Amino acid sequence: MDLIDWILIALFLITLTSIGAFFSNKNKNIGDYFVAGRSMPGWLVALAATGTSISAGTFVGSPELGFNTNITFIMSCVGAVIGGVFVAWLALPKLYNANTITIYGYIGDRYGETAKRSTSVMFLLGQLFTSGSRLFIAAIAISVICFGGIDFQFIVWSIIILGVVSTIYTMCGGIKGLIYIDALQILLVFGTGIFALVMLFNSLDMSLSDIIGKLHNGMVKLPQQDAYAMAADGTFTGWTQGNKLLLADPTFDFTRPYNLIGALFAYAIFKFAQFSTDHEFVQRQLTCQSVRKAGSSLVVSQLMAIPIVFVFLAIGLLLFINYSSDPELGAASGFFSDARDVFPQYIKNCIPTGARGLMIIGLIAAALSSFNSAINAMASSFVTDLFLPIRKQRGKEIKENAEQISSSRKMSALMGGALTAFAILTAVMQQASGLNLVDFATGVMCFSYAGMLGVFVTAIYTKRGNTKSVIAALVVGLLVVLLMQPYIMNPLTTALFGHKVVIAWPWWAPIGGLVSTAVCMLGKKEEK
């Protein structure tokens, strides 16, 4: 990169840190630090919530998905809107009106302190892997741009750089500063995506009708293949003829993640679990001035995500045309065997100076917008659900607001360090899983979502459940999702049935949630 690119990036990082510092002195208590005193306008929260949803998984993973497959992933965004509507209508009012700093306080009101702590611990464990995977995906791009490749040691250094930067400004400003930062960052992400799409389109020197024709008669990767490649003569290995503009896949197939039943039903349930049990996402809505504004901000954020996701999928489609139109270039690039860095490499090698710096700013914004929200959400859960109650229980209660805020900032630093460490672990896990970046980043969430979905469904809609059944549901949900992992399910089903059974990742949370709900409802209500 040239000097002007580094200057632009430095100015962006200084701006983020300055915003965090500006809001540092505006937090009078932990209610301000973690839920902004419930004073934020709905439109601003909607922008920030979009930033939380659109992570580096979209900036880096969606181009990979578009390059390898088609645009059926858009239907999952429609499923996210459906899930958001049902949460805003059926779950968010009770969580908001509970008037607790974290949503796990609602579980504490229903089932007691032990149940609250258990659910909070499950959230924290899930977030270590979930947000760690997002940071790892962002590090792929940073590794390409700063070090020229995606060797493991380069990815590790990139993870550390992103983790340190995000932790510093998150620790300073609290949730109010993060909401303003996330709103700014999502605008940068969308703007840089549009810019890259226009540049790609102009570089192809083709008419729109020619591009559409090539995509209609394109190639898609075959699932579960060991080798993917493109030879210098234009022949493909591990690919098949396919329409890359396919939007709706009507097949009734549980092995396909983004067919209509998977996207509009399974993915909607997955998003219902995310928007009602994951404090990283619900925390944004808890900062709103009213429950009505909280619900509308959630739905609007998911509607806003649809065009953003489409832009980055379209980038992947145009990159496919770019490399497949020149067999020698396509074969030499290696993207037809591993397209994880197809968009970062394009930024590094094809975007001119200055514009490249702006593109990297968009990438960093996508990376940090979800990672910083995870740090704050984890810190709020750890402090209010575990740290402060345990201190009080041991006779060492922290009452002073200044000391509570100081403890919260220290825990934010601790959570940032833990997430950075787990991001390195997820780099190893993704290579072992064989999943693309988008599927890996979202599928790993199901480990915690399945059990928590059962607990929250039971707590909100029934009078059943108790402390023991809550803990059992959390454990069973995790185990059910674990059993559906390909590296466990494939050999198990082959031994039992003579052939492997594959269940696409959007079904993991609904199946695990159904089982954990049944387990949680086995417990009878305890008299307080």
Protein backbone atom coordinates (compact mmCIF):
# COMPACT_ATOMS: atom_id res chain seq x y z
CA MET A 1 0.00 0.00 0.00
CA ASP A 2 1.05 3.59 -0.56
CA LEU A 3 1.45 6.37 2.00
CA ILE A 4 -1.92 7.97 1.21
CA ASP A 5 -3.68 4.65 1.97
CA TRP A 6 -2.00 4.42 5.37
CA ILE A 7 -2.87 8.05 6.15
CA LEU A 8 -6.56 7.45 5.40
CA ILE A 9 -6.61 4.34 7.58
CA ALA A 10 -4.84 6.16 10.42
CA LEU A 11 -7.35 9.02 10.26
CA PHE A 12 -10.22 6.55 10.41
CA LEU A 13 -8.82 4.77 13.48
CA ILE A 14 -8.12 8.11 15.19
CA THR A 15 -11.74 9.12 14.53
CA LEU A 16 -13.06 5.93 16.14
CA THR A 17 -10.88 6.38 19.19
CA SER A 18 -11.90 10.04 19.48
CA ILE A 19 -15.59 9.15 19.44
CA GLY A 20 -15.00 6.60 22.18
CA ALA A 21 -13.07 9.16 24.23
CA PHE A 22 -15.81 11.78 23.71
CA PHE A 23 -18.45 9.54 25.25
CA SER A 24 -16.12 8.27 27.97
CA ASN A 25 -17.12 10.99 30.47
CA LYS A 26 -20.84 10.82 29.64
CA ASN A 27 -21.37 7.49 31.42
CA LYS A 28 -22.58 8.20 34.95
CA ASN A 29 -23.43 4.58 35.87
CA ILE A 30 -23.39 1.11 34.34
CA GLY A 31 -26.90 1.68 33.01
CA ASP A 32 -25.42 4.46 30.86
CA TYR A 33 -22.37 2.37 29.99
CA PHE A 34 -24.30 -0.71 28.87
CA VAL A 35 -27.79 0.46 27.75
CA ALA A 36 -27.23 4.22 27.22
CA GLY A 37 -29.89 5.07 29.80
CA ARG A 38 -32.48 3.85 27.24
CA SER A 39 -32.25 7.20 25.48
CA MET A 40 -31.20 6.39 21.90
CA PRO A 41 -33.41 7.28 18.89
CA GLY A 42 -34.79 4.35 16.91
CA TRP A 43 -33.29 5.36 13.52
CA LEU A 44 -29.78 5.50 14.98
CA VAL A 45 -30.20 2.13 16.69
CA ALA A 46 -31.46 0.66 13.38
CA LEU A 47 -28.26 1.78 11.64
CA ALA A 48 -26.11 0.44 14.48
CA ALA A 49 -28.00 -2.88 14.53
CA THR A 50 -27.41 -3.21 10.80
CA GLY A 51 -23.72 -2.71 11.49
CA THR A 52 -23.82 -5.50 14.06
CA SER A 53 -25.49 -7.85 11.55
CA ILE A 54 -23.20 -6.89 8.64
CA SER A 55 -19.85 -8.11 9.84
CA ALA A 56 -16.67 -9.07 8.05
CA GLY A 57 -18.53 -12.27 7.23
CA THR A 58 -20.50 -10.17 4.74
CA PHE A 59 -17.59 -8.05 3.48
CA VAL A 60 -15.27 -11.03 2.90
CA GLY A 61 -17.56 -14.07 3.04
CA SER A 62 -20.38 -12.92 0.74
CA PRO A 63 -18.03 -12.32 -2.23
CA GLU A 64 -16.65 -15.83 -1.63
CA LEU A 65 -20.21 -17.18 -1.58
CA GLY A 66 -21.16 -15.33 -4.76
CA PHE A 67 -17.96 -16.48 -6.47
CA ASN A 68 -18.57 -20.13 -5.57
CA THR A 69 -22.35 -20.45 -5.78
CA ASN A 70 -25.29 -18.12 -6.55
CA ILE A 71 -27.51 -15.51 -4.83
CA THR A 72 -29.92 -17.81 -2.95
CA PHE A 73 -28.38 -16.44 0.26
CA ILE A 74 -30.58 -13.36 -0.30
CA MET A 75 -33.60 -15.47 0.68
CA SER A 76 -32.02 -16.02 4.09
CA CYS A 77 -32.05 -12.24 4.53
CA VAL A 78 -35.81 -12.38 3.92
CA GLY A 79 -35.95 -15.10 6.58
CA ALA A 80 -34.08 -12.73 8.91
CA VAL A 81 -36.79 -10.11 8.41
CA ILE A 82 -39.45 -12.73 9.24
CA GLY A 83 -37.57 -13.72 12.39
CA GLY A 84 -37.17 -10.06 13.36
CA VAL A 85 -40.90 -9.38 12.95
CA PHE A 86 -41.82 -12.25 15.25
CA VAL A 87 -39.27 -11.19 17.86
CA ALA A 88 -40.52 -7.58 17.79
CA TRP A 89 -44.08 -8.81 18.17
CA LEU A 90 -43.78 -11.78 20.54
CA ALA A 91 -40.53 -11.58 22.53
CA LEU A 92 -39.02 -8.10 22.66
CA PRO A 93 -41.84 -6.47 24.70
CA LYS A 94 -41.27 -8.83 27.63
CA LEU A 95 -37.49 -8.55 27.46
CA TYR A 96 -37.58 -4.75 27.19
CA ASN A 97 -40.19 -4.29 29.94
CA ALA A 98 -38.21 -6.48 32.33
CA ASN A 99 -36.02 -3.37 32.72
CA THR A 100 -32.82 -5.36 33.28
CA ILE A 101 -29.41 -4.40 31.94
CA THR A 102 -29.04 -7.75 30.17
CA ILE A 103 -31.77 -10.04 28.87
CA TYR A 104 -30.48 -12.80 31.13
CA GLY A 105 -31.82 -10.77 34.03
CA TYR A 106 -35.25 -11.76 32.69
CA ILE A 107 -34.28 -15.43 33.10
CA GLY A 108 -33.18 -14.60 36.64
CA ASP A 109 -36.59 -13.08 37.37
CA ARG A 110 -38.29 -16.27 36.12
CA TYR A 111 -36.04 -19.01 37.44
CA GLY A 112 -33.60 -17.50 39.93
CA GLU A 113 -29.97 -16.45 40.15
CA THR A 114 -28.41 -19.81 39.23
CA ALA A 115 -30.46 -20.07 36.03
CA LYS A 116 -29.50 -16.51 35.09
CA ARG A 117 -25.82 -17.18 35.62
CA SER A 118 -25.95 -20.45 33.67
CA THR A 119 -27.61 -18.79 30.68
CA SER A 120 -25.14 -15.90 30.81
CA VAL A 121 -22.21 -18.32 30.86
CA MET A 122 -23.63 -20.12 27.81
CA PHE A 123 -23.90 -16.77 26.03
CA LEU A 124 -20.31 -15.89 26.91
CA LEU A 125 -18.99 -19.24 25.70
CA GLY A 126 -20.98 -18.97 22.48
CA GLN A 127 -19.74 -15.44 21.85
CA LEU A 128 -16.12 -16.49 22.22
CA PHE A 129 -16.49 -18.71 19.17
CA THR A 130 -19.05 -16.61 17.28
CA SER A 131 -17.29 -13.26 17.43
CA GLY A 132 -13.91 -14.96 17.32
CA SER A 133 -14.88 -16.38 13.93
CA ARG A 134 -15.88 -12.92 12.67
CA LEU A 135 -12.55 -11.47 13.75
CA PHE A 136 -10.74 -14.34 12.01
CA ILE A 137 -12.64 -13.66 8.76
CA ALA A 138 -11.73 -9.98 8.93
CA ALA A 139 -8.13 -10.94 9.57
CA ILE A 140 -8.04 -12.83 6.27
CA ALA A 141 -8.48 -9.56 4.41
CA ILE A 142 -6.08 -7.62 6.63
CA SER A 143 -3.51 -10.40 6.18
CA VAL A 144 -3.76 -10.14 2.40
CA ILE A 145 -3.46 -6.36 2.38
CA CYS A 146 -0.73 -5.97 5.01
CA PHE A 147 1.29 -9.17 4.50
CA GLY A 148 0.41 -10.26 0.97
CA GLY A 149 -1.13 -13.66 1.78
CA ILE A 150 -3.21 -15.76 4.16
CA ASP A 151 -0.51 -17.86 5.77
CA PHE A 152 -1.47 -18.79 9.31
CA GLN A 153 1.14 -16.59 11.01
CA PHE A 154 -0.01 -13.56 9.00
CA ILE A 155 -3.62 -14.18 10.01
CA VAL A 156 -2.60 -14.41 13.67
CA TRP A 157 -0.85 -11.03 13.55
CA SER A 158 -3.84 -9.51 11.78
CA ILE A 159 -6.18 -10.87 14.45
CA ILE A 160 -4.06 -9.30 17.18
CA ILE A 161 -3.97 -5.90 15.43
CA LEU A 162 -7.75 -5.78 14.94
CA GLY A 163 -8.44 -7.09 18.45
CA VAL A 164 -6.28 -4.49 20.17
CA VAL A 165 -7.69 -1.54 18.19
CA SER A 166 -11.31 -2.57 18.74
CA THR A 167 -10.84 -3.25 22.45
CA ILE A 168 -9.32 0.19 23.11
CA TYR A 169 -12.16 2.33 21.79
CA THR A 170 -14.87 -0.07 23.00
CA MET A 171 -13.49 0.09 26.51
CA CYS A 172 -13.60 3.89 26.49
CA GLY A 173 -17.01 4.93 25.22
CA GLY A 174 -19.52 2.29 26.28
CA ILE A 175 -22.63 1.40 24.29
CA LYS A 176 -23.58 4.99 23.41
CA GLY A 177 -20.26 5.62 21.71
CA LEU A 178 -20.49 2.25 19.94
CA ILE A 179 -23.92 3.02 18.51
CA TYR A 180 -22.62 6.20 16.88
CA ILE A 181 -19.50 4.38 15.69
CA ASP A 182 -21.49 1.44 14.28
CA ALA A 183 -23.87 3.81 12.45
CA LEU A 184 -20.88 5.51 10.83
CA GLN A 185 -19.24 2.19 10.00
CA ILE A 186 -22.24 0.64 8.24
CA LEU A 187 -22.48 3.68 5.97
CA LEU A 188 -18.80 3.23 5.12
CA VAL A 189 -19.30 -0.48 4.45
CA PHE A 190 -22.20 0.09 2.08
CA GLY A 191 -20.46 2.97 0.32
CA THR A 192 -17.24 1.04 -0.27
CA GLY A 193 -19.23 -1.98 -1.47
CA ILE A 194 -21.03 0.13 -4.08
CA PHE A 195 -17.73 1.67 -5.13
CA ALA A 196 -16.08 -1.74 -5.62
CA LEU A 197 -19.09 -3.05 -7.55
CA VAL A 198 -18.99 -0.09 -9.96
CA MET A 199 -15.23 -0.46 -10.49
CA LEU A 200 -15.59 -4.18 -11.20
CA PHE A 201 -18.42 -3.61 -13.65
CA ASN A 202 -16.42 -1.01 -15.56
CA SER A 203 -13.28 -3.17 -15.63
CA LEU A 204 -15.08 -6.10 -17.29
CA ASP A 205 -15.76 -4.11 -20.48
CA MET A 206 -18.99 -6.07 -21.06
CA SER A 207 -22.58 -5.02 -21.48
CA LEU A 208 -25.02 -5.80 -18.72
CA SER A 209 -26.81 -8.32 -20.95
CA ASP A 210 -23.52 -10.14 -21.63
CA ILE A 211 -22.79 -10.32 -17.90
CA ILE A 212 -26.26 -11.67 -17.16
CA GLY A 213 -25.85 -14.28 -19.90
CA LYS A 214 -22.52 -15.48 -18.49
CA LEU A 215 -23.98 -15.72 -15.01
CA HIS A 216 -27.04 -17.64 -16.22
CA ASN A 217 -24.67 -20.18 -17.77
CA GLY A 218 -22.08 -20.07 -15.02
CA MET A 219 -20.41 -22.64 -12.80
CA VAL A 220 -21.03 -23.47 -9.13
CA LYS A 221 -19.01 -25.51 -6.70
CA LEU A 222 -20.14 -29.01 -5.92
CA PRO A 223 -20.66 -29.55 -2.16
CA GLN A 224 -18.44 -31.82 -0.12
CA GLN A 225 -15.71 -32.16 -2.75
CA ASP A 226 -12.08 -32.62 -1.82
CA ALA A 227 -10.61 -30.79 -4.82
CA TYR A 228 -11.72 -27.63 -6.59
CA ALA A 229 -9.67 -26.17 -9.40
CA MET A 230 -9.61 -24.51 -12.79
CA ALA A 231 -7.10 -25.62 -15.37
CA ALA A 232 -5.35 -23.33 -17.86
CA ASP A 233 -7.54 -24.70 -20.64
CA GLY A 234 -10.69 -23.51 -18.84
CA THR A 235 -11.82 -26.90 -17.53
CA PHE A 236 -13.10 -27.14 -13.94
CA THR A 237 -12.62 -29.78 -11.26
CA GLY A 238 -15.20 -29.94 -8.47
CA TRP A 239 -17.53 -27.50 -10.25
CA THR A 240 -20.71 -28.02 -12.27
CA GLN A 241 -22.84 -26.00 -14.66
CA GLY A 242 -25.26 -23.77 -12.75
CA ASN A 243 -27.25 -20.55 -12.81
CA LYS A 244 -25.39 -18.08 -10.62
CA LEU A 245 -28.40 -15.74 -10.65
CA LEU A 246 -30.63 -18.35 -8.98
CA LEU A 247 -32.55 -16.50 -6.27
CA ALA A 248 -35.15 -19.01 -5.04
CA ASP A 249 -34.34 -22.72 -4.76
CA PRO A 250 -37.67 -24.60 -4.32
CA THR A 251 -36.11 -28.02 -3.69
CA PHE A 252 -37.21 -29.78 -0.51
CA ASP A 253 -33.73 -30.71 0.64
CA PHE A 254 -32.37 -30.49 4.19
CA THR A 255 -28.79 -30.57 2.91
CA ARG A 256 -29.12 -27.20 1.14
CA PRO A 257 -28.77 -24.21 3.48
CA TYR A 258 -30.46 -21.55 1.36
CA ASN A 259 -33.35 -23.25 -0.44
CA LEU A 260 -36.76 -21.74 0.31
CA ILE A 261 -37.64 -24.01 3.23
CA GLY A 262 -34.18 -23.55 4.73
CA ALA A 263 -34.08 -19.78 4.23
CA LEU A 264 -37.67 -18.82 5.08
CA PHE A 265 -38.32 -21.33 7.85
CA ALA A 266 -35.12 -22.70 9.41
CA TYR A 267 -33.14 -19.46 9.01
CA ALA A 268 -36.09 -17.43 10.34
CA ILE A 269 -36.07 -19.59 13.50
CA PHE A 270 -32.30 -19.19 13.73
CA LYS A 271 -32.73 -15.42 13.57
CA PHE A 272 -35.56 -15.56 16.11
CA ALA A 273 -33.09 -17.27 18.43
CA GLN A 274 -30.43 -14.68 17.69
CA PHE A 275 -32.66 -11.63 18.16
CA SER A 276 -34.23 -12.92 21.38
CA THR A 277 -31.43 -14.79 23.19
CA ASP A 278 -28.14 -13.20 22.04
CA HIS A 279 -27.48 -10.11 24.14
CA GLU A 280 -25.08 -8.74 21.52
CA PHE A 281 -28.09 -8.12 19.27
CA VAL A 282 -30.81 -7.44 21.85
CA GLN A 283 -28.59 -4.92 23.67
CA ARG A 284 -29.01 -2.49 20.78
CA GLN A 285 -32.80 -2.60 21.14
CA LEU A 286 -32.62 -2.15 24.93
CA THR A 287 -31.05 1.29 24.37
CA CYS A 288 -34.16 2.59 22.57
CA GLN A 289 -36.50 5.12 24.14
CA SER A 290 -39.53 2.79 23.96
CA VAL A 291 -40.37 -0.82 23.19
CA ARG A 292 -42.16 0.24 20.00
CA LYS A 293 -39.03 1.98 18.72
CA ALA A 294 -36.97 -1.03 19.78
CA GLY A 295 -39.11 -3.38 17.70
CA SER A 296 -39.19 -1.15 14.63
CA SER A 297 -35.42 -0.59 14.77
CA LEU A 298 -34.89 -4.37 14.75
CA VAL A 299 -37.09 -4.97 11.71
CA VAL A 300 -35.73 -1.96 9.80
CA SER A 301 -32.14 -3.08 10.43
CA GLN A 302 -32.85 -6.43 8.76
CA LEU A 303 -34.57 -4.77 5.81
CA MET A 304 -31.53 -2.52 5.39
CA ALA A 305 -29.25 -5.56 5.39
CA ILE A 306 -30.80 -7.03 2.22
CA PRO A 307 -29.37 -4.53 -0.33
CA ILE A 308 -26.01 -4.52 1.48
CA VAL A 309 -25.70 -8.31 1.28
CA PHE A 310 -26.77 -8.25 -2.36
CA VAL A 311 -24.01 -5.76 -3.23
CA PHE A 312 -21.31 -8.03 -1.78
CA LEU A 313 -22.77 -11.17 -3.39
CA ALA A 314 -22.77 -9.28 -6.70
CA ILE A 315 -19.09 -8.45 -6.17
CA GLY A 316 -18.41 -12.18 -5.97
CA LEU A 317 -20.42 -12.81 -9.15
CA LEU A 318 -18.42 -10.21 -11.11
CA LEU A 319 -15.15 -11.55 -9.73
CA PHE A 320 -16.17 -15.00 -11.01
CA ILE A 321 -16.67 -13.55 -14.50
CA ASN A 322 -13.37 -11.71 -14.27
CA TYR A 323 -11.35 -14.84 -13.50
CA SER A 324 -13.33 -17.41 -15.50
CA SER A 325 -13.18 -15.30 -18.67
CA ASP A 326 -9.39 -15.67 -18.70
CA PRO A 327 -8.55 -19.38 -18.08
CA GLU A 328 -4.83 -18.78 -17.56
CA LEU A 329 -5.51 -15.99 -15.05
CA GLY A 330 -8.18 -18.10 -13.33
CA ALA A 331 -5.91 -21.12 -13.05
CA ALA A 332 -3.00 -19.03 -11.76
CA SER A 333 -5.11 -17.20 -9.17
CA GLY A 334 -6.03 -20.33 -7.22
CA PHE A 335 -9.44 -18.85 -6.33
CA PHE A 336 -11.26 -21.77 -7.91
CA SER A 337 -9.82 -23.98 -5.19
CA ASP A 338 -9.93 -21.44 -2.33
CA ALA A 339 -11.84 -18.17 -2.79
CA ARG A 340 -11.67 -16.95 0.80
CA ASP A 341 -9.43 -14.04 -0.15
CA VAL A 342 -10.82 -13.33 -3.63
CA PHE A 343 -12.17 -9.88 -2.72
CA PRO A 344 -9.25 -8.79 -0.46
CA GLN A 345 -6.82 -9.73 -3.26
CA TYR A 346 -8.84 -7.65 -5.70
CA ILE A 347 -8.66 -4.68 -3.32
CA LYS A 348 -4.91 -5.10 -2.91
CA ASN A 349 -4.03 -5.60 -6.56
CA CYS A 350 -6.66 -3.80 -8.63
CA ILE A 351 -7.97 -0.80 -6.66
CA PRO A 352 -5.92 2.39 -7.26
CA THR A 353 -4.13 4.29 -4.52
CA GLY A 354 -6.39 6.39 -2.31
CA ALA A 355 -9.44 4.43 -3.35
CA ARG A 356 -7.69 1.37 -1.95
CA GLY A 357 -7.36 3.10 1.41
CA LEU A 358 -11.09 3.86 1.41
CA MET A 359 -11.88 0.21 0.58
CA ILE A 360 -9.70 -0.98 3.45
CA ILE A 361 -11.50 1.46 5.75
CA GLY A 362 -14.77 -0.18 4.71
CA LEU A 363 -13.29 -3.58 5.46
CA ILE A 364 -12.02 -2.50 8.88
CA ALA A 365 -15.41 -0.92 9.61
CA ALA A 366 -17.15 -4.22 8.79
CA ALA A 367 -14.72 -6.10 11.00
CA LEU A 368 -14.90 -3.81 13.99
CA SER A 369 -18.65 -3.09 13.94
CA SER A 370 -19.56 -6.60 15.07
CA PHE A 371 -16.48 -7.28 17.16
CA ASN A 372 -16.83 -4.17 19.33
CA SER A 373 -20.51 -4.87 19.97
CA ALA A 374 -19.58 -8.38 21.10
CA ILE A 375 -17.00 -7.00 23.53
CA ASN A 376 -19.52 -4.62 25.09
CA ALA A 377 -22.30 -7.21 25.24
CA MET A 378 -20.04 -9.80 26.84
CA ALA A 379 -18.72 -7.27 29.35
CA SER A 380 -22.26 -6.22 30.29
CA SER A 381 -23.32 -9.83 30.80
CA PHE A 382 -20.19 -10.71 32.75
CA VAL A 383 -20.36 -7.63 35.00
CA THR A 384 -24.11 -7.46 35.71
CA ASP A 385 -24.97 -11.16 35.68
CA LEU A 386 -21.85 -12.65 37.24
CA PHE A 387 -19.21 -10.29 38.62
CA LEU A 388 -21.30 -7.79 40.63
CA PRO A 389 -23.80 -10.36 42.01
CA ILE A 390 -20.99 -12.69 43.10
CA ARG A 391 -19.16 -9.79 44.77
CA LYS A 392 -22.36 -8.88 46.58
CA GLN A 393 -22.95 -12.49 47.61
CA ARG A 394 -19.47 -12.62 49.14
CA GLY A 395 -19.98 -9.40 51.09
CA LYS A 396 -17.75 -7.31 48.78
CA GLU A 397 -20.46 -5.34 47.01
CA ILE A 398 -19.40 -2.52 44.68
CA LYS A 399 -21.85 0.34 45.16
CA GLU A 400 -20.08 3.40 43.79
CA ASN A 401 -20.98 4.22 40.18
CA ALA A 402 -17.43 5.24 39.32
CA GLU A 403 -16.05 1.94 40.61
CA GLN A 404 -18.73 -0.04 38.73
CA ILE A 405 -17.85 1.76 35.48
CA SER A 406 -14.14 1.18 36.14
CA SER A 407 -14.83 -2.54 36.63
CA SER A 408 -16.89 -2.57 33.44
CA ARG A 409 -14.03 -1.07 31.42
CA LYS A 410 -11.60 -3.61 32.84
CA MET A 411 -13.97 -6.43 31.89
CA SER A 412 -14.30 -4.96 28.39
CA ALA A 413 -10.52 -5.23 28.08
CA LEU A 414 -10.66 -8.80 29.39
CA MET A 415 -13.39 -9.78 26.94
CA GLY A 416 -11.48 -8.21 24.06
CA GLY A 417 -8.39 -10.23 24.94
CA ALA A 418 -10.39 -13.46 25.25
CA LEU A 419 -12.14 -12.90 21.91
CA THR A 420 -8.81 -12.22 20.21
CA ALA A 421 -7.41 -15.49 21.55
CA PHE A 422 -10.46 -17.46 20.43
CA ALA A 423 -10.28 -15.88 16.97
CA ILE A 424 -6.96 -17.66 16.52
CA LEU A 425 -8.62 -20.94 17.55
CA THR A 426 -11.48 -20.46 15.08
CA ALA A 427 -8.93 -20.03 12.27
CA VAL A 428 -7.95 -23.65 12.87
CA MET A 429 -11.59 -24.76 13.26
CA GLN A 430 -12.72 -23.23 9.95
CA GLN A 431 -10.10 -25.08 7.95
CA ALA A 432 -11.08 -28.35 9.64
CA SER A 433 -14.82 -27.79 9.10
CA GLY A 434 -14.67 -27.46 5.32
CA LEU A 435 -17.46 -24.82 5.42
CA ASN A 436 -17.28 -21.55 3.53
CA LEU A 437 -16.74 -18.42 5.61
CA VAL A 438 -20.40 -17.33 5.78
CA ASP A 439 -21.68 -20.78 6.79
CA PHE A 440 -18.91 -21.22 9.34
CA ALA A 441 -19.40 -17.80 10.96
CA THR A 442 -23.16 -18.29 11.32
CA GLY A 443 -23.22 -22.03 11.97
CA VAL A 444 -20.93 -21.75 14.98
CA MET A 445 -23.58 -19.57 16.68
CA CYS A 446 -25.96 -22.52 16.90
CA PHE A 447 -23.97 -24.18 19.69
CA SER A 448 -25.25 -21.64 22.21
CA TYR A 449 -28.45 -20.57 20.46
CA ALA A 450 -30.12 -24.01 20.53
CA GLY A 451 -30.14 -24.33 24.32
CA MET A 452 -30.88 -20.66 24.98
CA LEU A 453 -33.78 -20.76 22.51
CA GLY A 454 -35.39 -23.55 24.53
CA VAL A 455 -34.90 -21.64 27.77
CA PHE A 456 -36.31 -18.33 26.48
CA VAL A 457 -39.28 -19.95 24.71
CA THR A 458 -40.17 -21.77 27.91
CA ALA A 459 -39.68 -18.67 30.06
CA ILE A 460 -41.63 -16.26 27.82
CA TYR A 461 -44.53 -18.43 26.65
CA THR A 462 -45.11 -21.01 29.41
CA LYS A 463 -45.25 -21.30 33.18
CA ARG A 464 -43.02 -24.37 33.15
CA GLY A 465 -39.33 -24.77 33.91
CA ASN A 466 -37.01 -24.44 36.87
CA THR A 467 -33.31 -24.05 37.57
CA LYS A 468 -32.46 -27.69 36.91
CA SER A 469 -34.40 -27.89 33.66
CA VAL A 470 -32.81 -24.63 32.44
CA ILE A 471 -29.30 -26.03 32.96
CA ALA A 472 -30.31 -29.34 31.37
CA ALA A 473 -31.80 -27.55 28.35
CA LEU A 474 -28.62 -25.51 27.81
CA VAL A 475 -26.44 -28.63 27.90
CA VAL A 476 -28.76 -30.74 25.72
CA GLY A 477 -29.08 -28.01 23.09
CA LEU A 478 -25.31 -27.78 22.79
CA LEU A 479 -24.95 -31.58 22.52
CA VAL A 480 -27.65 -31.87 19.85
CA VAL A 481 -25.88 -29.28 17.68
CA LEU A 482 -22.56 -31.00 18.31
CA LEU A 483 -23.99 -34.30 17.04
CA MET A 484 -25.11 -32.61 13.81
CA GLN A 485 -21.58 -31.47 12.95
CA PRO A 486 -20.37 -33.14 9.73
CA TYR A 487 -17.21 -34.55 11.33
CA ILE A 488 -19.39 -36.38 13.89
CA MET A 489 -22.61 -37.02 11.96
CA ASN A 490 -21.00 -38.36 8.78
CA PRO A 491 -19.17 -41.34 10.36
CA LEU A 492 -22.04 -41.93 12.82
CA THR A 493 -24.77 -42.12 10.17
CA THR A 494 -22.54 -44.12 7.83
CA ALA A 495 -22.07 -46.72 10.57
CA LEU A 496 -25.81 -46.80 11.39
CA PHE A 497 -27.43 -46.49 7.95
CA GLY A 498 -24.68 -47.34 5.47
CA HIS A 499 -24.56 -43.78 4.09
CA LYS A 500 -23.88 -40.34 5.53
CA VAL A 501 -26.72 -37.98 6.44
CA VAL A 502 -26.06 -34.26 6.01
CA ILE A 503 -28.16 -31.58 7.72
CA ALA A 504 -27.49 -28.02 6.58
CA TRP A 505 -26.48 -25.61 9.33
CA PRO A 506 -29.70 -23.45 9.37
CA TRP A 507 -31.54 -26.48 10.75
CA TRP A 508 -29.17 -26.94 13.69
CA ALA A 509 -30.73 -24.22 15.87
CA PRO A 510 -34.39 -25.19 15.14
CA ILE A 511 -33.75 -28.89 15.84
CA GLY A 512 -31.62 -28.21 18.91
CA GLY A 513 -34.07 -25.55 20.09
CA LEU A 514 -37.02 -27.94 19.79
CA VAL A 515 -35.26 -30.60 21.85
CA SER A 516 -34.04 -28.12 24.48
CA THR A 517 -37.54 -26.60 24.77
CA ALA A 518 -38.96 -30.04 25.52
CA VAL A 519 -36.24 -30.61 28.13
CA CYS A 520 -36.77 -27.21 29.77
CA MET A 521 -40.54 -27.73 29.95
CA LEU A 522 -40.04 -30.97 31.88
CA GLY A 523 -39.26 -28.87 34.94
CA LYS A 524 -42.16 -27.85 37.13
CA LYS A 525 -42.49 -24.27 38.27
CA GLU A 526 -40.73 -23.67 41.58
CA GLU A 527 -42.46 -21.63 44.25
CA LYS A 528 -40.34 -18.64 45.26
